[in-house]
Amino acid sequence: MKLFVGLGNPGGKYARNRHNIGFMAVDGIAADHGFAPWRGKFQGSVSEGRLGSEKVILLKPETFMNLSGQSVGEALRFYKLEADDVIVFHDEIDLAPGKLKVKTGGGHAGHNGLRSLHQHITPDYHRVRMGVGHPGHKDAVPSYVLKDFAKADEGWLDDMLRGVSDGAAHLADGDTGRFQNAVALRLNPPRSSKSKPKQVEAQTEAKKPTPPAQPNQQDAPVSDDRSALQKLVDRFR
């Protein structure tokens, strides 16, 4: 059994915040993979289902971000799981928008949700770090992550969330490589080998040899069948 935890803040006004990308990730998995309806438990919302051969519990702590560890700790004790069974989806300001990496253990890098998890379940859990970009100055981080995604982010955000859902069964199975490949295929789909970029087509056309000019039949020389004597006579006419 695995416990997938999405980090975020409860309530409609936070729903599209950058800080809530973890909630968005587990919501997408629940919807796409036929999980049971969400219900209140462990100071949060819980949904149960299967990903491949693995039973998975989805959890959205509703304690607000800074106390997320309380909810996760309760769930861990109830299901008799270890930190190694926990996979946490969260926003990552140290990754560019649209970048995603999987990590196990390590520090919390100032993320209050991860800091709380460290305190309640140890740092030895797995994280799916979902890049949202950095505002440029550390003092601007709190207001930045508590703002909604910009319209310009909607394309890559939708692709990333779909990729996370596509690869969720691989993640539950412990195959982080195939999981990340599934996300990459959504974010950077391969170009069809049958289609050529317009620039390449233009270069190909430019390299085609120019066909030799065909002589105009009206300008073609007319054969002269006159004898030398006839030509001399015609000159003095």
Protein backbone atom coordinates (compact mmCIF):
# COMPACT_ATOMS: atom_id res chain seq x y z
CA MET A 1 0.00 0.00 0.00
CA LYS A 2 1.14 3.53 -0.83
CA LEU A 3 0.06 6.87 0.57
CA PHE A 4 0.02 9.66 -2.04
CA VAL A 5 -0.14 13.07 -0.35
CA GLY A 6 -0.97 16.29 -2.18
CA LEU A 7 0.04 19.46 -0.35
CA GLY A 8 -2.05 22.63 -0.43
CA ASN A 9 -4.45 24.82 1.51
CA PRO A 10 -8.18 24.04 1.87
CA GLY A 11 -10.87 26.36 0.53
CA GLY A 12 -11.96 27.77 -2.80
CA LYS A 13 -9.86 30.92 -2.62
CA TYR A 14 -6.66 28.83 -2.59
CA ALA A 15 -7.73 26.28 -5.21
CA ARG A 16 -5.69 27.69 -8.13
CA ASN A 17 -2.71 28.92 -6.08
CA ARG A 18 0.77 27.77 -7.03
CA HIS A 19 1.02 26.37 -3.49
CA ASN A 20 -1.90 24.03 -4.29
CA ILE A 21 -0.38 22.16 -7.21
CA GLY A 22 -0.12 19.08 -4.95
CA PHE A 23 -3.90 19.10 -4.39
CA MET A 24 -4.36 19.43 -8.17
CA ALA A 25 -2.10 16.41 -8.79
CA VAL A 26 -3.98 13.99 -6.51
CA ASP A 27 -7.36 15.34 -7.70
CA GLY A 28 -6.33 14.44 -11.26
CA ILE A 29 -5.23 10.95 -10.26
CA ALA A 30 -8.50 10.32 -8.41
CA ALA A 31 -10.60 11.48 -11.36
CA ASP A 32 -8.65 9.64 -14.06
CA HIS A 33 -8.24 6.31 -12.28
CA GLY A 34 -11.71 5.78 -10.84
CA PHE A 35 -10.91 6.30 -7.17
CA ALA A 36 -13.66 6.31 -4.53
CA PRO A 37 -15.34 9.64 -3.65
CA TRP A 38 -13.40 11.88 -1.28
CA ARG A 39 -14.34 11.62 2.40
CA GLY A 40 -13.19 13.39 5.55
CA LYS A 41 -10.55 11.58 7.61
CA PHE A 42 -7.17 12.23 9.29
CA GLN A 43 -7.85 16.02 9.40
CA GLY A 44 -8.06 15.92 5.63
CA SER A 45 -9.79 14.39 2.61
CA VAL A 46 -9.12 10.77 1.63
CA SER A 47 -9.83 8.74 -1.50
CA GLU A 48 -8.96 5.06 -2.04
CA GLY A 49 -8.27 3.12 -5.21
CA ARG A 50 -5.76 1.05 -7.14
CA LEU A 51 -2.92 1.98 -9.45
CA GLY A 52 -1.81 -1.12 -11.30
CA SER A 53 -1.45 -3.86 -8.70
CA GLU A 54 -0.91 -1.42 -5.82
CA LYS A 55 -3.57 -0.18 -3.42
CA VAL A 56 -3.18 3.58 -3.01
CA ILE A 57 -4.60 6.04 -0.48
CA LEU A 58 -4.80 9.65 -1.68
CA LEU A 59 -4.68 12.29 1.06
CA LYS A 60 -5.18 16.05 0.99
CA PRO A 61 -4.38 17.48 4.46
CA GLU A 62 -6.85 20.21 5.43
CA THR A 63 -4.86 21.55 8.37
CA PHE A 64 -3.41 24.31 6.14
CA MET A 65 0.06 23.89 4.72
CA ASN A 66 2.10 24.62 7.85
CA LEU A 67 0.51 21.72 9.78
CA SER A 68 0.35 19.13 6.98
CA GLY A 69 2.47 16.67 8.95
CA GLN A 70 -0.25 16.21 11.57
CA SER A 71 -2.66 14.80 9.00
CA VAL A 72 -0.05 12.64 7.27
CA GLY A 73 1.22 11.30 10.62
CA GLU A 74 -2.31 10.18 11.58
CA ALA A 75 -2.78 8.36 8.27
CA LEU A 76 0.61 6.69 8.56
CA ARG A 77 -0.14 5.33 12.01
CA PHE A 78 -3.64 4.18 11.05
CA TYR A 79 -2.46 2.18 8.03
CA LYS A 80 0.75 1.04 9.78
CA LEU A 81 2.93 2.43 7.00
CA GLU A 82 6.48 3.75 7.01
CA ALA A 83 7.82 7.03 5.64
CA ASP A 84 9.17 5.06 2.65
CA ASP A 85 5.55 4.29 1.66
CA VAL A 86 4.69 8.00 1.37
CA ILE A 87 4.92 10.01 -1.86
CA VAL A 88 4.31 13.75 -1.52
CA PHE A 89 3.34 16.07 -4.41
CA HIS A 90 4.30 19.69 -3.80
CA ASP A 91 5.21 22.99 -5.44
CA GLU A 92 8.93 23.63 -5.98
CA ILE A 93 10.17 27.19 -6.50
CA ASP A 94 13.72 25.99 -7.24
CA LEU A 95 12.54 24.33 -10.47
CA ALA A 96 11.44 26.24 -13.55
CA PRO A 97 7.75 26.13 -14.46
CA GLY A 98 6.95 22.87 -16.22
CA LYS A 99 9.93 20.97 -14.75
CA LEU A 100 9.41 17.95 -12.49
CA LYS A 101 11.80 15.83 -10.46
CA VAL A 102 11.43 12.95 -8.00
CA LYS A 103 13.51 12.96 -4.85
CA THR A 104 13.84 10.81 -1.72
CA GLY A 105 14.82 12.30 1.62
CA GLY A 106 16.84 15.47 2.07
CA GLY A 107 16.03 18.89 3.51
CA HIS A 108 12.81 20.88 3.28
CA ALA A 109 14.45 23.99 1.69
CA GLY A 110 12.14 26.30 3.64
CA HIS A 111 8.90 24.74 2.35
CA ASN A 112 6.55 24.88 5.36
CA GLY A 113 4.55 21.82 4.35
CA LEU A 114 7.70 19.71 4.04
CA ARG A 115 9.04 21.14 7.29
CA SER A 116 5.91 19.88 9.08
CA LEU A 117 6.25 16.45 7.44
CA HIS A 118 9.87 16.25 8.59
CA GLN A 119 8.71 16.82 12.16
CA HIS A 120 5.94 14.21 12.11
CA ILE A 121 7.14 11.34 9.87
CA THR A 122 10.94 11.92 9.43
CA PRO A 123 12.49 13.16 6.13
CA ASP A 124 12.68 9.67 4.60
CA TYR A 125 9.64 10.00 2.33
CA HIS A 126 9.55 10.47 -1.44
CA ARG A 127 8.71 13.80 -3.07
CA VAL A 128 7.44 14.75 -6.51
CA ARG A 129 8.83 18.26 -6.91
CA MET A 130 6.61 20.18 -9.33
CA GLY A 131 8.33 23.32 -10.59
CA VAL A 132 6.43 26.62 -10.37
CA GLY A 133 9.38 29.00 -10.79
CA HIS A 134 10.90 31.60 -8.46
CA PRO A 135 9.75 35.21 -8.11
CA GLY A 136 13.36 36.43 -8.12
CA HIS A 137 13.72 37.46 -4.48
CA LYS A 138 13.21 35.35 -1.36
CA ASP A 139 11.07 38.03 0.30
CA ALA A 140 8.53 37.71 -2.52
CA VAL A 141 8.15 33.92 -2.20
CA PRO A 142 5.19 33.81 0.27
CA SER A 143 2.99 36.12 -1.82
CA TYR A 144 4.13 34.43 -5.05
CA VAL A 145 3.14 30.89 -4.07
CA LEU A 146 -0.18 32.11 -2.64
CA LYS A 147 -1.20 33.66 -5.96
CA ASP A 148 -3.09 31.86 -8.71
CA PHE A 149 -1.25 30.48 -11.72
CA ALA A 150 -1.13 33.01 -14.55
CA LYS A 151 -3.04 32.34 -17.77
CA ALA A 152 0.31 31.86 -19.52
CA ASP A 153 0.95 28.86 -17.22
CA GLU A 154 -2.23 26.98 -18.13
CA GLY A 155 -0.71 25.04 -21.05
CA TRP A 156 2.28 23.51 -19.28
CA LEU A 157 0.31 23.08 -16.02
CA ASP A 158 -2.37 20.99 -17.72
CA ASP A 159 0.29 18.91 -19.50
CA MET A 160 2.20 18.31 -16.26
CA LEU A 161 -0.92 17.24 -14.33
CA ARG A 162 -1.98 14.91 -17.15
CA GLY A 163 1.51 13.43 -17.23
CA VAL A 164 1.47 12.84 -13.48
CA SER A 165 -1.82 10.98 -13.86
CA ASP A 166 -0.49 9.01 -16.86
CA GLY A 167 2.51 7.80 -14.90
CA ALA A 168 0.89 7.36 -11.48
CA ALA A 169 0.86 3.54 -11.67
CA HIS A 170 4.62 3.52 -12.37
CA LEU A 171 5.18 5.80 -9.38
CA ALA A 172 3.13 3.50 -7.12
CA ASP A 173 5.22 0.57 -8.39
CA GLY A 174 8.46 2.38 -7.54
CA ASP A 175 9.53 2.96 -11.15
CA THR A 176 10.32 6.66 -10.99
CA GLY A 177 12.08 6.59 -14.37
CA ARG A 178 8.97 5.51 -16.26
CA PHE A 179 6.89 7.93 -14.22
CA GLN A 180 9.09 10.85 -15.24
CA ASN A 181 9.07 9.67 -18.85
CA ALA A 182 5.26 9.77 -18.83
CA VAL A 183 5.35 13.37 -17.64
CA ALA A 184 8.00 14.29 -20.21
CA LEU A 185 5.89 12.83 -23.04
CA ARG A 186 3.07 15.21 -22.11
CA LEU A 187 5.31 18.24 -21.70
CA ASN A 188 7.50 17.55 -24.75
CA PRO A 189 5.68 15.22 -27.15
CA PRO A 190 7.92 13.76 -29.90
CA ARG A 191 7.72 15.40 -33.32
CA SER A 192 6.29 13.21 -36.07
CA SER A 193 9.02 11.92 -38.42
CA LYS A 194 6.69 12.46 -41.38
CA SER A 195 6.39 16.19 -40.88
CA LYS A 196 9.20 18.56 -41.76
CA PRO A 197 9.65 21.94 -40.16
CA LYS A 198 8.85 24.74 -42.59
CA GLN A 199 12.42 26.04 -42.46
CA VAL A 200 13.79 22.65 -43.51
CA GLU A 201 11.27 22.44 -46.36
CA ALA A 202 12.33 25.89 -47.59
CA GLN A 203 16.00 24.88 -47.50
CA THR A 204 15.20 21.69 -49.42
CA GLU A 205 13.39 23.67 -52.10
CA ALA A 206 16.32 26.07 -52.38
CA LYS A 207 18.75 23.19 -52.97
CA LYS A 208 16.77 21.71 -55.86
CA PRO A 209 18.69 22.16 -59.18
CA THR A 210 17.25 24.71 -61.57
CA PRO A 211 16.11 22.96 -64.78
CA PRO A 212 17.93 24.17 -67.94
CA ALA A 213 16.05 26.81 -69.92
CA GLN A 214 14.21 25.43 -72.90
CA PRO A 215 14.89 27.36 -76.16
CA ASN A 216 11.97 29.29 -77.54
CA GLN A 217 10.98 27.76 -80.84
CA GLN A 218 10.32 31.22 -82.29
CA ASP A 219 13.95 32.20 -81.63
CA ALA A 220 15.48 29.00 -83.03
CA PRO A 221 17.79 29.56 -86.05
CA VAL A 222 16.26 28.72 -89.45
CA SER A 223 18.36 26.45 -91.67
CA ASP A 224 19.63 28.12 -94.93
CA ASP A 225 19.59 25.71 -97.91
CA ARG A 226 20.66 28.29 -100.58
CA SER A 227 23.75 27.66 -102.71
CA ALA A 228 26.77 30.00 -102.46
CA LEU A 229 25.92 31.56 -105.84
CA GLN A 230 22.30 32.15 -104.80
CA LYS A 231 23.45 33.82 -101.58
CA LEU A 232 25.75 36.17 -103.60
CA VAL A 233 22.92 37.08 -105.98
CA ASP A 234 20.54 37.75 -103.07
CA ARG A 235 23.03 40.19 -101.46
CA PHE A 236 22.88 42.53 -104.49
CA ARG A 237 19.11 42.47 -104.97
